[in-house]
Amino acid sequence: ARVEHPFHVIKNLFRHRKVRYKGLAKNRAQLEVLFGLANLVLAKRALLA
């Protein structure tokens, strides 16, 4: 499914398996940054293909 590709990038390429912080705000901020980077990685792959 198309939705699962960003999760694959975050879990395997960036090795994000567990949360790092105890607070929800910090974990959410980290995930938002990782999803933004995953979008850049997927866009780069699409442009080069």
Protein backbone atom coordinates (compact mmCIF):
# COMPACT_ATOMS: atom_id res chain seq x y z
CA ALA A 1 0.00 0.00 0.00
CA ARG A 2 1.13 3.52 -0.74
CA VAL A 3 0.65 4.64 2.87
CA GLU A 4 3.15 2.11 4.22
CA HIS A 5 6.15 3.42 2.27
CA PRO A 6 6.91 6.39 4.59
CA PHE A 7 6.74 4.05 7.59
CA HIS A 8 9.18 1.71 5.86
CA VAL A 9 11.62 4.57 5.29
CA ILE A 10 11.34 5.76 8.90
CA LYS A 11 11.71 2.31 10.44
CA ASN A 12 14.40 0.87 8.20
CA LEU A 13 16.36 3.77 6.74
CA PHE A 14 16.27 6.05 9.80
CA ARG A 15 16.14 3.12 12.30
CA HIS A 16 13.31 4.63 14.36
CA ARG A 17 11.87 1.68 16.30
CA LYS A 18 11.15 3.05 19.77
CA VAL A 19 10.31 6.47 21.11
CA ARG A 20 13.21 8.37 22.59
CA TYR A 21 11.46 10.83 24.90
CA LYS A 22 8.87 10.46 27.65
CA GLY A 23 6.70 13.41 26.64
CA LEU A 24 4.20 13.30 23.80
CA ALA A 25 5.18 16.71 22.42
CA LYS A 26 8.85 15.83 21.89
CA ASN A 27 8.01 12.46 20.32
CA ARG A 28 5.47 14.07 18.02
CA ALA A 29 7.96 16.72 16.95
CA GLN A 30 10.57 14.06 16.22
CA LEU A 31 8.10 12.02 14.17
CA GLU A 32 7.01 15.09 12.20
CA VAL A 33 10.64 15.77 11.29
CA LEU A 34 11.19 12.12 10.33
CA PHE A 35 8.07 12.06 8.15
CA GLY A 36 9.20 15.27 6.46
CA LEU A 37 12.57 13.70 5.73
CA ALA A 38 10.87 10.52 4.51
CA ASN A 39 8.82 12.63 2.08
CA LEU A 40 12.03 14.14 0.76
CA VAL A 41 13.61 10.71 0.32
CA LEU A 42 10.55 9.37 -1.51
CA ALA A 43 10.34 12.49 -3.70
CA LYS A 44 14.02 12.13 -4.59
CA ARG A 45 13.49 8.51 -5.57
CA ALA A 46 10.47 9.44 -7.70
CA LEU A 47 12.37 12.22 -9.47
CA LEU A 48 15.39 10.06 -10.22
CA ALA A 49 13.31 7.11 -11.46
